[in-house]
Amino acid sequence: MAYFKQFPKVLYDVRGDGNEQMMTNITKRVRFRDYIKRNYVTYDFYDVKSGETPEYIANEFYGDPELHWIILLLNDVIDYYNDWPMATEQFERYVKSKYDDIDAIHHYEYAQESGSTTFTIELPNDSATTIPVGATPITNYEYEESIQENKRRIRLIQKRFIGQIKNEFKNQMNG
């Protein structure tokens, strides 16, 4: 099932000259219902390895690279270049181009306890912030690496639900 073939067609005057053309309505959007995302029974977690694309993962797990759109939708990947984890080499280039000093302190983290719960507070690295004793410095590199690691953990709909997902997608596109 090709993703864009399911999108509705609309008449649109591209040039503003009164000549309408039939075009794919790429502004039509669908999303997974929140209960599906919260229902751990319907999907498994997967850690994306360096260089793996949604097409590769769809082919490995569903036997069809064209089902990459299911992976992207389930994981709220809107912009592949910013929302999908980078390959190692790409990440290294990105961090070096973004920061003059990748080893400089980006922020500090401090473990705070409240009752039986411990959570981490992020403290900015600026002169207005008092850094408590025991706070952990986080470098620019570590900060960016943490963002990438969070992107690596994705959800994959279990194969037995793929037919239902495809049917729901068609229904939403036609509705």
Protein backbone atom coordinates (compact mmCIF):
# COMPACT_ATOMS: atom_id res chain seq x y z
CA MET A 1 0.00 0.00 0.00
CA ALA A 2 1.69 3.16 -1.19
CA TYR A 3 1.26 5.98 1.31
CA PHE A 4 0.41 8.91 -0.97
CA LYS A 5 -1.87 6.84 -3.21
CA GLN A 6 -4.32 6.76 -0.31
CA PHE A 7 -4.55 10.55 -0.09
CA PRO A 8 -7.66 12.19 -1.56
CA LYS A 9 -7.46 14.23 -4.74
CA VAL A 10 -8.55 17.87 -4.94
CA LEU A 11 -8.96 20.40 -7.73
CA TYR A 12 -6.46 23.21 -7.25
CA ASP A 13 -5.60 26.32 -9.23
CA VAL A 14 -1.79 26.25 -8.95
CA ARG A 15 -1.06 29.36 -11.01
CA GLY A 16 -4.14 31.38 -10.07
CA ASP A 17 -5.22 31.57 -13.72
CA GLY A 18 -8.55 29.74 -13.37
CA ASN A 19 -7.18 26.42 -14.68
CA GLU A 20 -7.69 23.84 -11.95
CA GLN A 21 -5.71 20.63 -11.89
CA MET A 22 -6.39 17.42 -10.00
CA MET A 23 -3.73 17.10 -7.32
CA THR A 24 -2.98 14.93 -4.31
CA ASN A 25 -4.12 16.67 -1.13
CA ILE A 26 -0.89 16.40 0.86
CA THR A 27 -2.37 18.61 3.59
CA LYS A 28 -4.66 15.76 4.72
CA ARG A 29 -3.33 14.37 7.98
CA VAL A 30 -4.08 11.31 10.02
CA ARG A 31 -2.62 10.13 13.27
CA PHE A 32 -2.76 7.15 15.54
CA ARG A 33 -5.36 7.43 18.23
CA ASP A 34 -3.83 8.12 21.63
CA TYR A 35 -5.17 4.89 23.11
CA ILE A 36 -3.18 2.89 20.55
CA LYS A 37 0.02 4.70 21.56
CA ARG A 38 -0.71 4.04 25.24
CA ASN A 39 -1.65 0.39 24.70
CA TYR A 40 1.61 -1.51 25.13
CA VAL A 41 -0.05 -4.70 23.86
CA THR A 42 -0.25 -3.40 20.28
CA TYR A 43 3.39 -2.52 19.79
CA ASP A 44 6.96 -3.39 20.74
CA PHE A 45 9.87 -1.10 21.46
CA TYR A 46 12.85 -1.06 19.13
CA ASP A 47 16.18 0.76 19.31
CA VAL A 48 17.15 2.18 15.91
CA LYS A 49 20.75 1.37 15.02
CA SER A 50 23.05 3.84 13.31
CA GLY A 51 22.04 4.36 9.69
CA GLU A 52 18.78 2.42 9.84
CA THR A 53 15.97 4.09 7.92
CA PRO A 54 12.22 3.70 8.41
CA GLU A 55 12.12 1.82 5.08
CA TYR A 56 14.78 -0.63 6.24
CA ILE A 57 12.99 -1.27 9.55
CA ALA A 58 9.62 -1.68 7.81
CA ASN A 59 11.16 -4.23 5.47
CA GLU A 60 12.83 -6.13 8.32
CA PHE A 61 9.76 -6.25 10.57
CA TYR A 62 6.82 -6.15 8.16
CA GLY A 63 8.40 -7.50 4.98
CA ASP A 64 7.45 -4.33 3.09
CA PRO A 65 9.57 -1.16 2.96
CA GLU A 66 6.52 0.83 1.79
CA LEU A 67 5.02 0.45 5.27
CA HIS A 68 7.60 2.91 6.61
CA TRP A 69 4.77 5.44 7.00
CA ILE A 70 3.32 3.35 9.85
CA ILE A 71 6.59 3.66 11.77
CA LEU A 72 6.77 7.40 11.13
CA LEU A 73 3.15 8.03 12.16
CA LEU A 74 3.30 5.92 15.30
CA ASN A 75 6.45 7.72 16.45
CA ASP A 76 5.26 11.24 15.57
CA VAL A 77 8.05 11.73 13.04
CA ILE A 78 6.93 14.78 11.08
CA ASP A 79 10.32 15.93 9.82
CA TYR A 80 12.57 12.99 8.99
CA TYR A 81 15.71 15.15 9.09
CA ASN A 82 15.06 16.45 12.61
CA ASP A 83 12.86 13.80 14.24
CA TRP A 84 14.63 10.59 13.14
CA PRO A 85 17.90 9.56 14.84
CA MET A 86 21.05 10.45 12.94
CA ALA A 87 23.67 7.97 11.78
CA THR A 88 26.84 8.13 13.90
CA GLU A 89 28.91 9.99 11.28
CA GLN A 90 26.11 12.48 10.62
CA PHE A 91 25.70 13.08 14.36
CA GLU A 92 29.43 13.73 14.82
CA ARG A 93 29.40 16.29 11.99
CA TYR A 94 26.26 17.92 13.36
CA VAL A 95 27.64 18.38 16.90
CA LYS A 96 30.96 19.74 15.62
CA SER A 97 29.18 22.25 13.39
CA LYS A 98 26.74 23.37 16.10
CA TYR A 99 29.20 24.00 18.95
CA ASP A 100 32.56 25.76 19.08
CA ASP A 101 33.48 23.50 22.01
CA ILE A 102 31.66 20.18 22.23
CA ASP A 103 33.18 19.58 25.67
CA ALA A 104 31.91 22.85 27.16
CA ILE A 105 29.22 22.62 29.84
CA HIS A 106 25.74 22.79 28.33
CA HIS A 107 23.88 22.54 31.65
CA TYR A 108 23.97 20.83 35.03
CA GLU A 109 21.73 18.07 36.31
CA TYR A 110 20.79 17.68 39.94
CA ALA A 111 18.91 14.75 41.50
CA GLN A 112 16.02 16.02 43.63
CA GLU A 113 14.08 13.81 46.00
CA SER A 114 10.44 14.25 46.88
CA GLY A 115 9.10 11.55 49.19
CA SER A 116 10.00 8.22 47.62
CA THR A 117 10.47 9.73 44.15
CA THR A 118 13.73 11.01 42.69
CA PHE A 119 13.74 13.18 39.60
CA THR A 120 16.38 15.14 37.75
CA ILE A 121 16.36 18.92 37.56
CA GLU A 122 18.14 20.59 34.65
CA LEU A 123 19.97 23.76 35.67
CA PRO A 124 21.18 26.20 33.01
CA ASN A 125 24.87 26.97 32.76
CA ASP A 126 24.71 30.71 33.28
CA SER A 127 25.94 33.23 35.82
CA ALA A 128 22.45 33.76 37.29
CA THR A 129 22.12 30.12 38.37
CA THR A 130 23.51 28.85 41.64
CA ILE A 131 24.79 25.35 41.02
CA PRO A 132 24.30 23.11 44.08
CA VAL A 133 27.06 20.85 45.34
CA GLY A 134 26.71 17.43 43.76
CA ALA A 135 25.24 18.68 40.48
CA THR A 136 26.54 16.83 37.42
CA PRO A 137 27.91 18.87 34.52
CA ILE A 138 26.55 17.83 31.11
CA THR A 139 28.65 18.76 28.10
CA ASN A 140 27.27 19.93 24.77
CA TYR A 141 28.16 16.55 23.30
CA GLU A 142 26.42 14.63 26.10
CA TYR A 143 23.34 16.82 25.76
CA GLU A 144 23.02 16.20 22.01
CA GLU A 145 23.80 12.51 22.48
CA SER A 146 20.95 12.26 24.99
CA ILE A 147 18.53 13.78 22.47
CA GLN A 148 19.63 11.24 19.86
CA GLU A 149 19.27 8.33 22.28
CA ASN A 150 15.69 9.38 23.06
CA LYS A 151 14.94 9.38 19.32
CA ARG A 152 16.42 5.88 18.93
CA ARG A 153 13.78 4.22 21.09
CA ILE A 154 10.77 3.81 18.79
CA ARG A 155 7.53 1.87 18.82
CA LEU A 156 6.70 -0.75 16.19
CA ILE A 157 3.12 -1.92 15.75
CA GLN A 158 3.01 -5.68 16.04
CA LYS A 159 2.72 -7.35 12.65
CA ARG A 160 -0.68 -8.87 13.48
CA PHE A 161 -2.21 -5.36 13.65
CA ILE A 162 -0.86 -4.08 10.31
CA GLY A 163 -4.03 -4.99 8.37
CA GLN A 164 -6.19 -3.09 10.86
CA ILE A 165 -3.86 -0.08 10.71
CA LYS A 166 -3.98 0.00 6.91
CA ASN A 167 -7.79 -0.21 6.93
CA GLU A 168 -8.08 2.54 9.55
CA PHE A 169 -5.74 4.73 7.49
CA LYS A 170 -7.90 4.24 4.38
CA ASN A 171 -11.04 5.06 6.36
CA GLN A 172 -9.52 8.24 7.77
CA MET A 173 -8.31 9.32 4.33
CA ASN A 174 -11.74 8.79 2.82
CA GLY A 175 -13.58 10.41 5.73
